[in-house]
Protein backbone atom coordinates (compact mmCIF):
# COMPACT_ATOMS: atom_id res chain seq x y z
CA MET A 1 -10.93 -15.24 3.90
CA LEU A 2 -11.46 -11.55 3.15
CA VAL A 3 -8.74 -9.13 4.32
CA LEU A 4 -8.83 -5.36 3.93
CA GLY A 5 -5.55 -3.46 3.93
CA ILE A 6 -5.21 0.25 4.65
CA SER A 7 -2.32 2.71 4.55
CA GLY A 8 -1.80 6.24 5.82
CA LEU A 9 -1.71 7.93 9.22
CA ASP A 10 -4.91 9.91 9.50
CA ARG A 11 -3.92 12.54 12.08
CA ALA A 12 -0.31 13.15 11.02
CA ALA A 13 -0.79 16.21 8.79
CA ALA A 14 -3.04 17.96 11.31
CA LEU A 15 -0.59 17.38 14.16
CA LYS A 16 2.29 18.75 12.10
CA LYS A 17 0.36 21.99 11.45
CA GLN A 18 -0.57 22.21 15.12
CA MET A 19 2.99 21.72 16.37
CA MET A 20 4.64 23.94 13.75
CA PRO A 21 2.05 26.34 12.31
CA GLY A 22 4.54 28.60 10.55
CA LEU A 23 5.91 26.04 8.09
CA ASP A 24 5.66 26.59 4.34
CA TRP A 25 3.66 24.27 2.11
CA ARG A 26 6.66 22.11 1.27
CA GLU A 27 7.76 21.63 4.88
CA GLN A 28 4.21 20.64 5.86
CA ARG A 29 4.58 17.54 3.66
CA LEU A 30 7.52 16.28 5.72
CA VAL A 31 5.39 13.79 7.63
CA GLN A 32 5.03 10.05 7.65
CA GLY A 33 1.80 8.39 6.62
CA LEU A 34 0.86 10.11 3.37
CA ASP A 35 -0.53 8.31 0.28
CA SER A 36 -3.37 6.56 2.08
CA ALA A 37 -5.11 3.76 0.22
CA ALA A 38 -7.20 0.62 0.62
CA ALA A 39 -6.87 -2.87 -0.84
CA LEU A 40 -9.08 -5.96 -0.58
CA VAL A 41 -7.72 -9.48 -1.04
CA ASP A 42 -8.84 -13.06 -0.63
CA GLU A 43 -7.44 -16.51 -1.38
CA ASN A 44 -7.89 -15.94 -5.11
CA GLY A 45 -5.81 -12.75 -5.22
CA VAL A 46 -6.35 -9.01 -5.30
CA ILE A 47 -10.01 -8.04 -5.61
CA ALA A 48 -9.68 -4.26 -5.50
CA ALA A 49 -7.30 -1.46 -4.58
CA SER A 50 -7.63 2.32 -4.69
CA ALA A 51 -5.80 5.41 -3.44
CA GLN A 52 -7.77 7.91 -1.38
CA GLU A 53 -6.45 10.85 -3.44
CA ARG A 54 -8.42 9.59 -6.46
CA HIS A 55 -11.62 10.06 -4.47
CA ASP A 56 -11.14 13.32 -2.58
CA GLY A 57 -8.83 15.11 -5.04
CA ASP A 58 -6.20 15.83 -2.36
CA LYS A 59 -3.02 14.64 -4.03
CA GLY A 60 -0.91 12.49 -1.72
CA THR A 61 -3.38 12.73 1.16
CA GLY A 62 -2.76 10.72 4.31
CA ALA A 63 -6.36 10.98 5.52
CA PHE A 64 -8.14 7.79 6.51
CA PRO A 65 -9.06 6.19 3.15
CA ALA A 66 -12.78 6.05 3.82
CA ASP A 67 -13.81 6.53 0.19
CA ALA A 68 -11.22 4.06 -1.06
CA VAL A 69 -12.39 1.47 1.48
CA GLU A 70 -15.99 1.85 0.37
CA ALA A 71 -14.96 1.61 -3.29
CA CYS A 72 -13.14 -1.66 -2.63
CA LEU A 73 -16.13 -3.06 -0.74
CA ARG A 74 -18.49 -2.04 -3.57
CA ILE A 75 -16.31 -3.79 -6.15
CA ALA A 76 -16.41 -6.96 -4.03
CA GLY A 77 -20.13 -6.65 -3.27
CA ALA A 78 -19.23 -6.76 0.42
CA THR A 79 -19.62 -4.73 3.61
CA MET A 80 -17.28 -4.24 6.53
CA ASP A 81 -19.18 -7.03 8.33
CA ASP A 82 -17.91 -9.43 5.65
CA VAL A 83 -14.27 -8.46 6.22
CA ASP A 84 -12.45 -10.91 8.48
CA LEU A 85 -9.46 -8.72 9.35
CA VAL A 86 -8.20 -5.20 8.61
CA ALA A 87 -4.43 -4.87 8.18
CA HIS A 88 -2.64 -1.53 8.61
CA GLY A 89 0.83 -0.92 7.17
CA PHE A 90 2.38 0.52 10.35
CA ARG A 91 3.18 -1.04 13.72
CA TYR A 92 4.64 1.43 16.20
CA GLU A 93 5.30 0.15 19.72
CA PRO A 94 6.15 2.04 22.94
CA SER A 95 9.81 2.99 23.09
CA PRO A 96 12.08 5.20 25.21
CA ALA A 97 12.95 6.96 21.95
CA PHE A 98 9.53 8.62 21.99
CA GLU A 99 10.42 10.31 25.30
CA LEU A 100 13.48 12.11 23.92
CA ASP A 101 11.61 15.31 23.12
CA GLY A 102 8.12 16.78 23.07
CA PHE A 103 7.65 16.35 19.33
CA LEU A 104 8.41 12.65 19.38
CA ARG A 105 6.19 12.17 22.43
CA ARG A 106 3.25 13.80 20.68
CA TRP A 107 3.81 11.84 17.46
CA TYR A 108 3.51 8.59 19.35
CA GLN A 109 0.68 9.57 21.67
CA GLU A 110 -1.49 11.32 19.09
CA VAL A 111 -0.75 9.51 15.81
CA TYR A 112 1.21 6.25 16.06
CA ARG A 113 -0.32 4.37 19.01
CA GLU A 114 -2.48 1.31 18.37
CA GLU A 115 -5.30 2.89 20.37
CA VAL A 116 -5.28 5.90 18.03
CA GLN A 117 -5.61 3.64 14.98
CA ARG A 118 -8.57 1.90 16.60
CA GLU A 119 -10.17 5.28 17.34
CA VAL A 120 -9.82 6.33 13.70
CA LEU A 121 -11.41 3.11 12.48
CA ALA A 122 -14.18 3.30 15.08
CA ALA A 123 -15.06 6.82 13.95
CA HIS A 124 -15.94 5.39 10.53
CA TYR A 125 -17.13 1.91 11.50
CA PRO A 126 -18.33 2.08 15.13
CA ASP A 127 -20.02 -1.32 15.25
CA GLN A 128 -16.84 -3.38 14.70
CA ASP A 129 -14.62 -5.05 17.32
CA TRP A 130 -11.39 -3.31 16.43
CA ALA A 131 -9.45 -4.83 19.31
CA ARG A 132 -9.91 -8.16 17.50
CA LYS A 133 -10.20 -7.10 13.89
CA LEU A 134 -7.27 -4.68 13.46
CA VAL A 135 -3.89 -6.24 12.71
CA ARG A 136 -0.89 -3.91 12.53
CA VAL A 137 1.92 -4.93 10.16
CA PRO A 138 5.42 -3.40 10.40
CA HIS A 139 5.85 -0.88 7.60
CA HIS A 140 8.76 -2.49 5.77
CA LEU A 141 7.24 -5.95 6.11
CA ALA A 142 4.08 -4.59 4.44
CA HIS A 143 6.19 -3.18 1.60
CA ALA A 144 8.07 -6.46 1.24
CA ALA A 145 4.89 -8.53 1.20
CA SER A 146 3.36 -6.29 -1.48
CA SER A 147 6.16 -7.22 -3.85
CA TYR A 148 7.08 -10.77 -2.89
CA HIS A 149 3.58 -12.23 -2.82
CA LEU A 150 2.78 -10.80 -6.28
CA SER A 151 6.11 -11.66 -7.94
CA GLY A 152 5.63 -15.31 -8.73
CA PHE A 153 9.14 -15.94 -7.31
CA ASP A 154 9.22 -18.70 -4.71
CA ASP A 155 12.78 -17.80 -3.65
CA ALA A 156 13.88 -14.16 -3.88
CA LEU A 157 15.82 -11.39 -2.22
CA VAL A 158 13.44 -8.56 -1.28
CA LEU A 159 14.68 -4.98 -1.02
CA VAL A 160 12.61 -2.28 0.69
CA ALA A 161 13.97 1.26 0.50
CA ASP A 162 12.00 4.37 1.43
CA GLY A 163 12.16 7.36 3.74
CA MET A 164 11.58 5.39 6.91
CA GLY A 165 9.54 2.67 8.52
CA GLU A 166 9.12 2.54 12.27
CA ALA A 167 12.89 2.49 12.92
CA GLU A 168 14.56 1.58 9.63
CA SER A 169 15.10 3.14 6.21
CA THR A 170 16.22 0.15 4.13
CA SER A 171 15.54 -3.54 4.71
CA LEU A 172 16.58 -6.78 3.08
CA PHE A 173 14.35 -9.84 3.33
CA ARG A 174 14.59 -13.38 2.02
CA GLY A 175 11.34 -14.60 0.57
CA ARG A 176 11.17 -18.37 0.42
CA GLY A 177 8.26 -20.79 0.30
CA GLY A 178 5.71 -18.04 0.81
CA THR A 179 7.29 -16.55 3.95
CA LEU A 180 9.54 -13.54 4.56
CA GLU A 181 12.62 -13.48 6.79
CA THR A 182 14.44 -10.25 7.70
CA LEU A 183 18.12 -10.38 6.76
CA ARG A 184 19.33 -6.88 7.52
CA THR A 185 18.00 -3.42 8.27
CA TYR A 186 19.62 -0.01 7.93
CA PRO A 187 18.80 2.81 10.37
CA ILE A 188 16.97 6.02 9.57
CA GLY A 189 20.24 7.95 9.65
CA SER A 190 21.27 6.14 6.46
CA SER A 191 18.00 6.77 4.63
CA LEU A 192 18.38 6.97 0.86
CA GLY A 193 14.74 8.00 0.62
CA ILE A 194 15.06 10.91 3.05
CA LEU A 195 18.24 12.03 1.27
CA TYR A 196 16.41 12.11 -2.06
CA SER A 197 13.49 14.04 -0.53
CA VAL A 198 15.76 16.57 1.17
CA VAL A 199 17.61 17.30 -2.09
CA THR A 200 14.24 17.48 -3.86
CA GLN A 201 13.24 20.17 -1.34
CA TYR A 202 16.59 21.94 -1.73
CA LEU A 203 16.06 22.04 -5.51
CA GLY A 204 12.75 23.86 -5.04
CA PHE A 205 10.40 20.92 -5.59
CA LEU A 206 7.84 19.28 -3.32
CA PRO A 207 9.37 16.57 -1.08
CA GLY A 208 7.53 13.31 -0.93
CA MET A 209 5.93 13.96 -4.31
CA ASP A 210 8.33 15.52 -6.84
CA GLU A 211 11.28 13.15 -6.57
CA TYR A 212 10.50 11.88 -10.07
CA LYS A 213 11.16 15.40 -11.37
CA VAL A 214 14.66 15.26 -9.92
CA MET A 215 15.14 11.84 -11.51
CA GLY A 216 14.10 13.33 -14.87
CA LEU A 217 16.43 16.30 -14.36
CA ALA A 218 19.49 14.19 -13.53
CA PRO A 219 20.44 13.11 -17.09
CA TYR A 220 20.96 16.78 -18.03
CA GLY A 221 23.68 17.08 -15.39
CA ASP A 222 27.22 15.90 -14.74
CA PRO A 223 27.57 13.44 -11.81
CA GLY A 224 31.22 14.45 -11.47
CA ALA A 225 30.55 18.18 -11.27
CA PHE A 226 31.35 18.38 -7.53
CA PRO A 227 34.54 16.37 -6.88
CA GLY A 228 34.94 15.18 -3.33
CA VAL A 229 31.22 15.44 -2.43
CA GLU A 230 30.06 12.15 -0.91
CA LEU A 231 26.33 12.14 -0.18
CA VAL A 232 26.26 8.44 0.73
CA VAL A 233 29.16 6.81 2.57
CA ARG A 234 29.64 3.06 2.15
CA ARG A 235 31.39 1.34 5.05
CA PRO A 236 33.58 -1.80 4.85
CA SER A 237 31.22 -3.39 7.38
CA GLY A 238 28.38 -3.17 4.85
CA ALA A 239 26.79 -0.22 6.64
CA LEU A 240 25.65 2.99 4.95
CA SER A 241 25.60 6.51 6.28
CA VAL A 242 24.20 9.79 4.97
CA PRO A 243 26.23 12.52 6.70
CA LEU A 244 23.80 15.29 5.74
CA LEU A 245 21.08 13.81 7.93
CA ALA A 246 23.30 14.08 11.02
CA ARG A 247 23.06 17.88 10.61
CA ASP A 248 19.41 17.74 11.72
CA ARG A 249 20.25 17.99 15.42
CA THR A 250 17.30 19.72 17.13
CA PRO A 251 13.67 18.53 17.19
CA GLU A 252 12.72 21.44 14.91
CA GLU A 253 15.47 20.54 12.43
CA ARG A 254 14.36 16.91 12.37
CA GLU A 255 10.83 18.04 11.51
CA THR A 256 11.93 20.30 8.64
CA HIS A 257 15.40 19.00 7.68
CA SER A 258 16.60 22.59 7.90
CA GLY A 259 19.99 21.43 9.20
CA ALA A 260 20.43 19.16 6.17
CA ILE A 261 19.33 21.96 3.84
CA ARG A 262 22.00 24.25 5.35
CA ALA A 263 24.58 21.52 4.81
CA LEU A 264 23.53 21.26 1.16
CA GLU A 265 23.93 25.01 0.76
CA GLU A 266 27.44 24.73 2.16
CA LEU A 267 28.22 22.05 -0.43
CA PHE A 268 26.39 23.36 -3.49
CA GLY A 269 25.37 26.98 -2.90
CA PRO A 270 21.96 28.57 -2.26
CA ALA A 271 18.82 26.47 -2.42
CA ARG A 272 16.60 27.06 -5.44
CA HIS A 273 13.36 29.01 -4.93
CA PRO A 274 10.37 27.08 -6.36
CA ASP A 275 9.71 29.85 -8.89
CA ALA A 276 13.33 30.33 -9.96
CA PRO A 277 14.67 28.96 -13.26
CA VAL A 278 16.32 25.56 -13.29
CA THR A 279 20.01 26.07 -14.11
CA GLN A 280 22.89 23.79 -15.03
CA ARG A 281 24.00 23.82 -11.38
CA HIS A 282 20.65 22.33 -10.36
CA MET A 283 20.95 19.70 -13.08
CA ASP A 284 24.43 18.75 -11.86
CA ILE A 285 23.21 18.44 -8.26
CA ALA A 286 20.37 16.17 -9.40
CA SER A 287 22.89 14.05 -11.29
CA VAL A 288 25.21 13.78 -8.26
CA LEU A 289 22.24 12.70 -6.13
CA GLN A 290 21.03 10.13 -8.63
CA ARG A 291 24.51 8.59 -8.88
CA ALA A 292 24.77 8.43 -5.08
CA ILE A 293 21.41 6.66 -4.75
CA GLU A 294 22.28 4.15 -7.46
CA GLU A 295 25.63 3.36 -5.86
CA GLY A 296 24.02 3.03 -2.43
CA LEU A 297 21.38 0.60 -3.70
CA LEU A 298 23.94 -1.51 -5.56
CA PHE A 299 26.11 -1.61 -2.44
CA VAL A 300 23.22 -2.90 -0.33
CA LEU A 301 22.25 -5.49 -2.95
CA THR A 302 25.81 -6.67 -3.46
CA GLU A 303 26.02 -7.30 0.28
CA GLY A 304 22.68 -9.11 0.08
CA VAL A 305 23.82 -11.60 -2.55
CA ALA A 306 27.21 -12.32 -0.97
CA GLY A 307 26.21 -15.75 0.35
CA ALA A 308 26.70 -18.93 -1.65
CA ASP A 309 22.98 -19.75 -1.72
CA ALA A 310 21.82 -16.20 -2.46
CA PRO A 311 18.76 -16.08 -4.73
CA ARG A 312 19.05 -14.80 -8.29
CA ARG A 313 15.67 -13.09 -8.23
CA LEU A 314 14.89 -9.72 -6.71
CA CYS A 315 11.68 -8.08 -5.53
CA MET A 316 11.59 -4.35 -4.73
CA ALA A 317 9.20 -1.98 -2.99
CA GLY A 318 9.25 1.30 -1.07
CA GLY A 319 9.30 4.80 -2.48
CA VAL A 320 12.90 4.50 -3.69
CA ALA A 321 11.78 1.56 -5.87
CA LEU A 322 9.84 4.08 -7.98
CA ASN A 323 13.21 5.41 -9.19
CA CYS A 324 13.02 3.86 -12.65
CA THR A 325 16.55 4.89 -13.59
CA ALA A 326 18.02 3.06 -10.59
CA ASN A 327 15.77 0.07 -11.30
CA GLY A 328 17.11 -0.13 -14.84
CA LEU A 329 20.68 -0.04 -13.56
CA ILE A 330 19.96 -2.83 -11.05
CA SER A 331 18.34 -4.90 -13.79
CA ARG A 332 21.45 -4.52 -15.97
CA SER A 333 23.93 -5.08 -13.12
CA GLY A 334 24.13 -8.86 -13.55
CA LEU A 335 23.35 -9.44 -9.88
CA PHE A 336 19.93 -10.94 -10.67
CA ASP A 337 18.33 -12.97 -13.43
CA ARG A 338 14.91 -11.44 -12.89
CA VAL A 339 13.69 -8.30 -11.10
CA PHE A 340 10.14 -7.45 -10.06
CA VAL A 341 8.96 -4.08 -8.75
CA GLN A 342 5.44 -3.92 -7.35
CA PRO A 343 3.78 -1.06 -9.31
CA ALA A 344 2.31 0.69 -6.26
CA ALA A 345 5.75 0.68 -4.62
CA GLY A 346 5.10 3.78 -2.48
CA ASP A 347 3.15 3.91 0.74
CA ASP A 348 -0.17 3.34 -1.02
CA GLY A 349 1.14 -0.15 -1.73
CA THR A 350 1.52 -0.95 1.97
CA ALA A 351 -2.27 -1.29 2.10
CA LEU A 352 -1.90 -4.10 -0.42
CA GLY A 353 1.12 -5.61 1.29
CA ALA A 354 -0.36 -5.52 4.78
CA ALA A 355 -3.46 -7.32 3.51
CA LEU A 356 -1.41 -9.93 1.63
CA HIS A 357 0.83 -10.56 4.64
CA VAL A 358 -2.10 -11.15 6.98
CA LEU A 359 -3.88 -13.31 4.42
CA ARG A 360 -0.82 -15.51 3.89
CA GLU A 361 -0.31 -15.88 7.64
CA HIS A 362 -3.75 -17.49 7.78
CA VAL A 363 -3.87 -19.10 4.33
CA PRO A 364 -0.31 -20.00 3.25
CA ALA A 365 0.43 -20.10 -0.47
CA SER A 366 3.34 -19.63 -2.83
CA PRO A 367 3.68 -16.25 -4.55
CA ARG A 368 1.64 -15.80 -7.72
CA PRO A 369 2.67 -13.53 -10.60
CA MET A 370 0.43 -10.51 -10.94
CA GLY A 371 -0.85 -9.13 -14.22
CA MET A 372 -1.82 -5.49 -14.62
CA PRO A 373 -2.91 -3.53 -11.54
CA TYR A 374 -6.34 -2.69 -12.96
CA TRP A 375 -7.88 -3.00 -9.51
CA GLY A 376 -9.86 0.24 -9.26
CA GLU A 377 -13.42 1.07 -10.18
CA GLU A 378 -15.00 0.58 -13.59
CA PHE A 379 -17.99 2.59 -14.79
CA GLY A 380 -20.68 1.55 -17.24
CA ASP A 381 -22.25 3.11 -20.29
CA ALA A 382 -24.94 4.88 -18.26
CA ASP A 383 -22.30 6.72 -16.20
CA ILE A 384 -20.38 7.68 -19.35
CA GLU A 385 -23.52 8.93 -21.12
CA ALA A 386 -24.51 10.98 -18.09
CA ALA A 387 -21.06 12.58 -17.96
CA LEU A 388 -21.12 13.35 -21.67
CA GLY A 389 -24.55 14.89 -21.26
CA ALA A 390 -23.00 17.54 -19.04
CA LEU A 391 -20.32 18.43 -21.57
CA GLY A 392 -21.92 21.52 -23.00
CA PRO A 393 -21.67 23.04 -26.50
CA GLY A 394 -18.58 23.11 -28.69
CA HIS A 395 -18.03 19.34 -28.91
CA GLN A 396 -18.93 16.52 -31.28
CA VAL A 397 -19.76 13.18 -29.66
CA ARG A 398 -19.92 9.91 -31.59
CA HIS A 399 -20.65 6.36 -30.46
CA LEU A 400 -18.01 4.10 -32.06
CA PRO A 401 -18.17 0.52 -30.79
CA GLY A 402 -15.38 -1.98 -31.32
CA ASP A 403 -12.72 -1.39 -33.95
CA ALA A 404 -14.31 1.87 -35.11
CA LEU A 405 -13.06 3.65 -31.99
CA LEU A 406 -9.54 2.28 -32.49
CA LYS A 407 -9.51 3.37 -36.12
CA GLU A 408 -10.61 6.94 -35.39
CA THR A 409 -8.29 7.29 -32.38
CA SER A 410 -5.34 6.10 -34.45
CA VAL A 411 -6.16 8.64 -37.17
CA LEU A 412 -6.35 11.43 -34.61
CA ILE A 413 -3.05 10.55 -32.91
CA GLY A 414 -1.34 10.15 -36.26
CA SER A 415 -2.52 13.62 -37.31
CA GLY A 416 -0.88 15.21 -34.27
CA ALA A 417 -3.86 15.25 -31.91
CA VAL A 418 -3.57 14.73 -28.15
CA VAL A 419 -6.17 12.16 -27.06
CA ALA A 420 -7.40 11.43 -23.54
CA TRP A 421 -8.01 7.69 -23.21
CA TYR A 422 -10.42 6.43 -20.51
CA GLN A 423 -11.20 2.70 -20.45
CA GLY A 424 -12.04 -0.12 -18.03
CA ARG A 425 -10.90 -0.35 -14.42
CA MET A 426 -8.63 2.30 -12.92
CA GLU A 427 -4.98 1.49 -12.29
CA PHE A 428 -3.59 1.19 -8.76
CA GLY A 429 -0.28 3.00 -8.26
CA PRO A 430 1.16 6.23 -9.67
CA ARG A 431 1.46 5.14 -13.32
CA ALA A 432 -1.21 5.41 -16.00
CA LEU A 433 -0.96 2.07 -17.77
CA GLY A 434 -3.45 2.47 -20.59
CA ASN A 435 -6.79 2.89 -18.80
CA ARG A 436 -6.50 6.49 -17.55
CA SER A 437 -4.01 7.91 -20.06
CA ILE A 438 -3.23 10.81 -22.36
CA LEU A 439 -1.90 9.54 -25.69
CA ALA A 440 0.07 11.18 -28.49
CA ASP A 441 2.38 10.49 -31.41
CA PRO A 442 5.98 9.92 -30.21
CA THR A 443 7.36 10.58 -33.69
CA ALA A 444 6.19 14.22 -33.68
CA PRO A 445 9.30 16.33 -32.92
CA ASP A 446 7.46 19.05 -30.96
CA MET A 447 4.99 16.81 -29.09
CA ARG A 448 7.01 16.65 -25.86
CA ALA A 449 7.24 20.45 -25.62
CA HIS A 450 3.56 20.82 -26.53
CA LEU A 451 2.42 18.35 -23.86
CA ASN A 452 4.69 19.78 -21.16
CA THR A 453 3.97 23.46 -21.68
CA VAL A 454 0.45 23.58 -23.11
CA VAL A 455 -1.45 20.47 -22.06
CA LYS A 456 0.09 19.31 -18.77
CA GLN A 457 1.52 22.74 -17.87
CA ARG A 458 4.63 21.32 -16.23
CA GLU A 459 8.41 21.66 -16.39
CA GLU A 460 9.77 21.44 -19.93
CA PHE A 461 12.62 19.07 -19.01
CA ARG A 462 10.34 16.21 -17.98
CA PRO A 463 10.29 13.14 -20.24
CA PHE A 464 7.34 11.07 -21.43
CA ALA A 465 7.00 7.30 -21.59
CA PRO A 466 6.44 5.07 -24.61
CA ALA A 467 4.00 2.17 -24.74
CA VAL A 468 4.92 -0.63 -27.15
CA PRO A 469 3.42 -4.07 -27.90
CA VAL A 470 5.36 -6.94 -26.37
CA GLU A 471 6.10 -8.38 -29.79
CA ASP A 472 7.86 -5.16 -30.87
CA ALA A 473 9.56 -4.19 -27.59
CA GLY A 474 13.01 -5.59 -28.40
CA GLU A 475 13.02 -4.00 -31.83
CA TYR A 476 12.73 -0.43 -30.58
CA PHE A 477 14.23 -0.67 -27.07
CA GLU A 478 17.17 -2.45 -25.46
CA ILE A 479 15.12 -5.14 -23.76
CA GLU A 480 16.52 -8.66 -23.50
CA PRO A 481 14.35 -11.44 -24.91
CA GLY A 482 12.44 -13.06 -22.06
CA ARG A 483 12.49 -9.93 -19.90
CA GLU A 484 9.62 -8.10 -21.59
CA ALA A 485 7.18 -8.73 -18.71
CA GLN A 486 9.48 -6.79 -16.36
CA TYR A 487 8.52 -3.63 -18.27
CA ARG A 488 4.73 -4.01 -18.11
CA HIS A 489 4.31 -1.53 -15.27
CA MET A 490 6.51 1.32 -16.59
CA LEU A 491 9.04 1.01 -13.77
CA PHE A 492 12.35 0.47 -15.59
CA VAL A 493 14.39 2.80 -17.76
CA THR A 494 16.25 1.34 -20.70
CA GLN A 495 17.84 2.71 -23.85
CA VAL A 496 16.00 3.48 -27.06
CA ARG A 497 17.85 1.65 -29.80
CA GLU A 498 20.11 4.17 -31.48
CA LYS A 499 18.62 3.74 -34.95
CA TYR A 500 15.17 4.78 -33.62
CA ARG A 501 16.11 7.77 -31.43
CA ASP A 502 15.58 10.32 -34.18
CA LEU A 503 12.31 8.61 -35.14
CA LEU A 504 10.99 8.77 -31.55
CA PRO A 505 12.07 12.23 -30.32
CA SER A 506 9.16 12.82 -27.95
CA ILE A 507 9.84 9.77 -25.78
CA THR A 508 13.65 9.66 -26.05
CA HIS A 509 15.27 11.41 -23.10
CA VAL A 510 18.43 13.49 -23.38
CA ASP A 511 20.58 10.45 -22.53
CA GLY A 512 18.87 8.19 -25.08
CA SER A 513 16.73 6.46 -22.47
CA ALA A 514 13.02 5.82 -22.06
CA ARG A 515 10.73 4.58 -19.28
CA VAL A 516 9.07 1.87 -21.34
CA GLN A 517 5.70 0.22 -20.88
CA VAL A 518 5.45 -3.13 -22.65
CA VAL A 519 1.84 -4.03 -23.45
CA ASP A 520 0.52 -7.54 -24.12
CA ARG A 521 -2.77 -8.62 -25.65
CA GLU A 522 -3.79 -10.83 -22.72
CA SER A 523 -3.62 -8.29 -19.89
CA ALA A 524 -4.50 -5.07 -21.77
CA PRO A 525 -6.39 -6.14 -24.90
CA ARG A 526 -7.88 -2.80 -25.96
CA PHE A 527 -4.75 -0.75 -25.33
CA HIS A 528 -2.66 -3.36 -27.15
CA ALA A 529 -5.08 -3.29 -30.08
CA LEU A 530 -4.89 0.50 -30.27
CA ILE A 531 -1.07 0.54 -30.39
CA ARG A 532 -1.12 -2.28 -32.92
CA ARG A 533 -3.60 -0.31 -35.08
CA PHE A 534 -1.49 2.85 -34.77
CA GLY A 535 1.56 0.90 -35.94
CA ASP A 536 -0.32 -0.58 -38.88
CA ASP A 537 -1.66 2.84 -39.91
CA HIS A 538 1.45 4.93 -39.39
CA GLY A 539 4.42 2.58 -39.47
CA THR A 540 5.64 2.74 -35.85
CA PRO A 541 3.90 0.63 -33.16
CA VAL A 542 4.82 2.97 -30.31
CA ILE A 543 2.52 5.49 -28.57
CA LEU A 544 3.41 8.21 -26.07
CA ASN A 545 1.55 7.48 -22.81
CA THR A 546 1.20 9.87 -19.88
CA SER A 547 -1.28 10.10 -17.02
CA PHE A 548 -4.78 11.54 -17.54
CA ASN A 549 -4.59 14.53 -15.21
CA LEU A 550 -3.59 18.19 -15.25
CA ARG A 551 -1.17 20.08 -13.03
CA GLY A 552 -1.83 19.48 -9.32
CA GLN A 553 -4.63 16.97 -9.99
CA PRO A 554 -4.66 13.24 -9.21
CA ILE A 555 -5.31 10.90 -12.13
CA VAL A 556 -9.00 10.97 -13.05
CA ARG A 557 -11.24 8.29 -11.56
CA THR A 558 -14.82 8.75 -12.79
CA PRO A 559 -16.32 9.50 -16.22
CA LEU A 560 -17.48 12.88 -14.88
CA GLU A 561 -13.91 13.77 -13.86
CA ALA A 562 -12.61 12.57 -17.23
CA VAL A 563 -15.07 14.69 -19.19
CA ALA A 564 -14.55 17.76 -17.00
CA THR A 565 -10.75 17.47 -17.16
CA TYR A 566 -10.82 17.10 -20.93
CA ALA A 567 -13.22 20.04 -21.32
CA ARG A 568 -11.03 22.48 -19.38
CA SER A 569 -7.82 21.34 -21.06
CA THR A 570 -6.38 21.90 -24.52
CA MET A 571 -6.54 18.20 -25.40
CA ASP A 572 -8.01 17.57 -28.84
CA ALA A 573 -10.14 14.51 -28.16
CA LEU A 574 -11.47 12.13 -25.53
CA ALA A 575 -11.99 8.41 -26.13
CA ILE A 576 -14.16 7.20 -23.24
CA GLY A 577 -15.65 3.74 -23.37
CA ASP A 578 -17.08 3.45 -26.87
CA TRP A 579 -17.53 7.20 -27.31
CA LEU A 580 -15.22 9.64 -29.06
CA VAL A 581 -15.41 13.35 -28.29
CA VAL A 582 -13.71 15.98 -30.45
CA ARG A 583 -13.92 19.74 -30.36
CA ASP A 584 -15.91 21.63 -32.94
CA PRO A 585 -13.47 23.21 -35.39
CA ALA A 586 -14.57 26.71 -34.36
CA THR A 587 -13.70 26.06 -30.67
CA ALA A 588 -10.69 23.73 -31.01
CA GLY A 589 -7.67 24.87 -29.03
CA THR A 590 -9.59 27.33 -26.85
CA GLY A 591 -9.77 25.14 -23.74
CA GLY A 592 -7.39 25.58 -20.87
CA SER A 593 -6.42 24.48 -17.41
CA ASP A 594 -6.90 26.56 -14.32
CA ASP A 595 -4.30 24.52 -12.40
């Protein structure tokens, strides 16, 4: 059985602009249904998955994922006629709530309705019977399925936390025997995800996209800097509330969270302008927020494991599950023996989860553990050679098959070079996991500042992640033996062992932590071999790994994008397939980004 999953709400962004044309660029992103994607699954597992932004260049787009769908079908050698069912990660139903005001009425009539979703599909595939073929899956159930069915845990608690589903913001499920049962849901008024986005907006960043910047800023602050401020209220009944969200009283305030922003200004002072410097006050606010989110999540999970037969394994999904600092805290809490976070935990992952849920309704099976999410497109030598042919003067290109490429790349990184690394199938999810990466030496004291300010052109406070072979993970990082696989997808923060913090300054955050990627030979053989070679050559088997993109750009997808991005950057080299590109000495360092 072949099931295609899709995410996103195609008409949401356009309707927001139509209803409220005067909003600024950050407020325009306050819509549901961004991060559209497609995923294709069958009885044997995940065949392909891809985010639409990687195809059209519109970061975080919610447009119908037409290009991503076609990419998945190409990978499978299939057409839409071969697809048995299409699963969508939203299921809105008629409700009196949609008649409360004109905005809500229009959202339902013009974006959410089942008939609208059929119209969108029919516009791209008019010869299909969408009344039969489209299956709508509730949003949080799609998130839950994306994690549970790929965890390998037969019996697990499943936590979904994001901005909102159809009517809930946080959900607890019990996964058992291949099925999911809802245990508890928390209303939108207690949304930890919306709270994080609103504070992200207040701090001058882009809501729905820049929350990870706030997470990176938090360790610089003091979580006790504002005594008496309670962003998340925990009730004896087990309920949560977020008082700030109750300040969005009018339809206009609910669309922009302007009421909540005013409440934040009353608590913390004026909101930060996007171009203003980041001060200690902003760091303290980020720290207060991060502490509140962590305490809220632990409260929900503690309630979830209160029963005598509660499972000792946890699956997580939803945008809040991309908060690696909170994930690390949950992992260390003692509540669970094992924790799994599906790597595309945001709304792109609901395409995957919706497809898996529908598949398992028709073909029941126990959850299987996933490997690496290398589910995107792969390009051959002819595509790489064509892209390199368009490179232009000022570069040296060498063909270095096998170990020769690893040797030269290791030498370059060890000499202080920044190397773009493009190999194999593209990752699915927001993390570069060794196939679409920028690599550097984590032992170089100034590498973090160089990458942030010169190469990536981003905020100087943002940390970088280390990649380490599985056999060395516990030596350099505080990772318990037997839990190494939990860190494969770069979704948990842990501590750098104290004796190595001075040795690894460019991946050690201000609080001694790191967002570690553990790499094994079986699932990522070439990346593992490169790190192993770097360790043999230079003494430390750890490499700094960040995503292969520049400011405002999605992670590169094609060889042409990889070559063009490298050429307009200040990166020193590009390892693409079996080719190594370096700049001629006379032109080295003269590239730049126009982002």
